[in-house]
Protein backbone atom coordinates (compact mmCIF):
# COMPACT_ATOMS: atom_id res chain seq x y z
CA MET A 1 -0.05 0.23 0.03
CA SER A 2 1.19 3.42 -0.80
CA GLU A 3 1.69 6.45 1.70
CA PHE A 4 0.60 10.13 1.42
CA LYS A 5 3.18 12.64 0.63
CA ARG A 6 3.46 15.95 2.38
CA ILE A 7 3.90 18.57 -0.12
CA PRO A 8 4.13 22.95 0.39
CA PRO A 9 1.81 24.94 -1.62
CA GLU A 10 3.96 25.55 -4.57
CA GLN A 11 3.87 21.79 -5.21
CA ALA A 12 0.20 21.73 -5.01
CA GLN A 13 -0.27 24.19 -7.53
CA ALA A 14 1.99 22.43 -9.64
CA LEU A 15 -0.08 19.55 -9.69
CA ARG A 16 -2.95 21.26 -9.69
CA GLU A 17 -2.13 23.06 -12.56
CA LYS A 18 -1.46 19.82 -14.39
CA GLY A 19 -5.12 18.29 -13.55
CA ALA A 20 -4.66 17.11 -9.61
CA VAL A 21 -8.20 17.02 -7.82
CA VAL A 22 -7.95 19.23 -4.54
CA VAL A 23 -10.28 18.56 -1.46
CA ASP A 24 -10.27 20.81 1.12
CA VAL A 25 -11.60 19.04 4.81
CA ARG A 26 -12.67 22.51 6.53
CA ASP A 27 -16.03 22.73 7.80
CA PRO A 28 -18.44 23.90 5.10
CA GLN A 29 -18.77 27.60 6.27
CA THR A 30 -15.26 28.00 6.15
CA PHE A 31 -14.92 26.71 2.51
CA ALA A 32 -18.03 28.70 1.59
CA LEU A 33 -16.08 32.29 2.85
CA ASN A 34 -12.93 31.28 0.96
CA HIS A 35 -11.32 28.10 -0.54
CA ILE A 36 -8.75 27.11 -3.31
CA SER A 37 -10.36 27.88 -6.90
CA GLY A 38 -11.88 24.50 -8.05
CA SER A 39 -11.28 22.53 -4.78
CA LYS A 40 -13.96 20.18 -3.54
CA HIS A 41 -15.38 20.49 0.06
CA LEU A 42 -15.15 17.04 1.35
CA ASP A 43 -16.98 16.20 5.07
CA ASN A 44 -18.50 12.72 6.76
CA HIS A 45 -21.70 13.98 4.47
CA SER A 46 -19.67 13.94 0.93
CA LEU A 47 -17.06 11.33 1.58
CA HIS A 48 -19.11 8.14 0.37
CA ALA A 49 -20.22 9.95 -2.86
CA PHE A 50 -16.66 11.11 -3.80
CA ILE A 51 -14.74 8.14 -3.23
CA THR A 52 -17.31 6.23 -5.35
CA ALA A 53 -17.22 8.67 -8.04
CA ALA A 54 -13.44 9.23 -7.75
CA ASP A 55 -10.55 7.99 -10.03
CA LEU A 56 -8.20 6.28 -7.50
CA ASP A 57 -5.13 6.73 -9.41
CA ALA A 58 -5.60 10.50 -9.86
CA PRO A 59 -3.14 13.06 -8.11
CA THR A 60 -5.61 14.12 -5.34
CA VAL A 61 -4.23 16.64 -3.01
CA VAL A 62 -5.89 17.43 1.02
CA VAL A 63 -6.04 20.68 2.32
CA CYS A 64 -7.08 21.59 5.76
CA TYR A 65 -6.89 24.78 7.55
CA HIS A 66 -2.85 24.32 8.42
CA GLY A 67 -1.93 21.10 7.11
CA ASN A 68 -2.40 18.95 10.30
CA SER A 69 -6.21 17.38 9.84
CA SER A 70 -5.21 16.86 6.10
CA GLN A 71 -2.82 14.54 7.02
CA GLY A 72 -5.41 12.31 8.66
CA ALA A 73 -7.58 12.69 5.84
CA ALA A 74 -5.13 11.99 3.04
CA ALA A 75 -4.36 8.39 4.93
CA TYR A 76 -7.72 7.41 4.85
CA LEU A 77 -7.89 8.41 1.15
CA VAL A 78 -4.97 5.81 0.90
CA SER A 79 -6.63 3.13 3.03
CA GLN A 80 -9.57 3.62 0.52
CA GLY A 81 -7.35 2.80 -2.49
CA PHE A 82 -6.39 6.22 -3.87
CA SER A 83 -2.55 5.47 -5.21
CA ASP A 84 -1.45 9.47 -5.53
CA VAL A 85 -2.25 11.46 -2.60
CA TYR A 86 -0.82 14.42 -0.83
CA SER A 87 -1.32 16.68 2.29
CA MET A 88 -0.30 20.15 1.67
CA ASP A 89 1.37 21.38 4.73
CA GLY A 90 0.36 25.12 5.69
CA GLY A 91 -2.93 24.34 4.63
CA PHE A 92 -5.41 27.20 3.36
CA GLU A 93 -3.92 29.73 5.53
CA LEU A 94 -0.58 29.32 4.21
CA TRP A 95 -2.11 28.99 0.59
CA ARG A 96 -3.93 32.17 0.51
CA THR A 97 -0.91 33.84 1.29
CA THR A 98 1.05 32.24 -1.23
CA PHE A 99 -1.18 32.08 -4.01
CA PRO A 100 -3.93 34.86 -3.45
CA SER A 101 -5.25 35.05 -6.71
CA GLU A 102 -6.08 31.32 -6.74
CA ILE A 103 -8.83 32.01 -3.86
CA SER A 104 -12.56 31.13 -4.80
CA GLN A 105 -15.73 32.71 -2.43
CA ASN A 106 -17.87 31.17 -4.51
CA PRO A 107 -19.07 27.26 -3.70
CA THR A 108 -19.38 25.99 -7.15
CA GLU A 109 -16.23 27.20 -8.17
């Protein structure tokens, strides 16, 4: 079984530009206020549907507030058969200072 990799925002952005799936595990209200453009919100309610529909071999970057909770979520995705999973160090807080133009406030973007 593979393990997830921890990466900085710059590497997450490079993967994102190549089509990686970005999932955000912060609470729904915080996600709705600000999130990485194109990211998907993932919580206990949407997790099963996400896993069922996902390409398990597609690169998947997991984001949380500061890079701690995303590690547990990334490990869980690996345990569910995902083969190319990353946890972004620094979380959304570091992302928004590194890539402020890559933030959306619309839950559908």
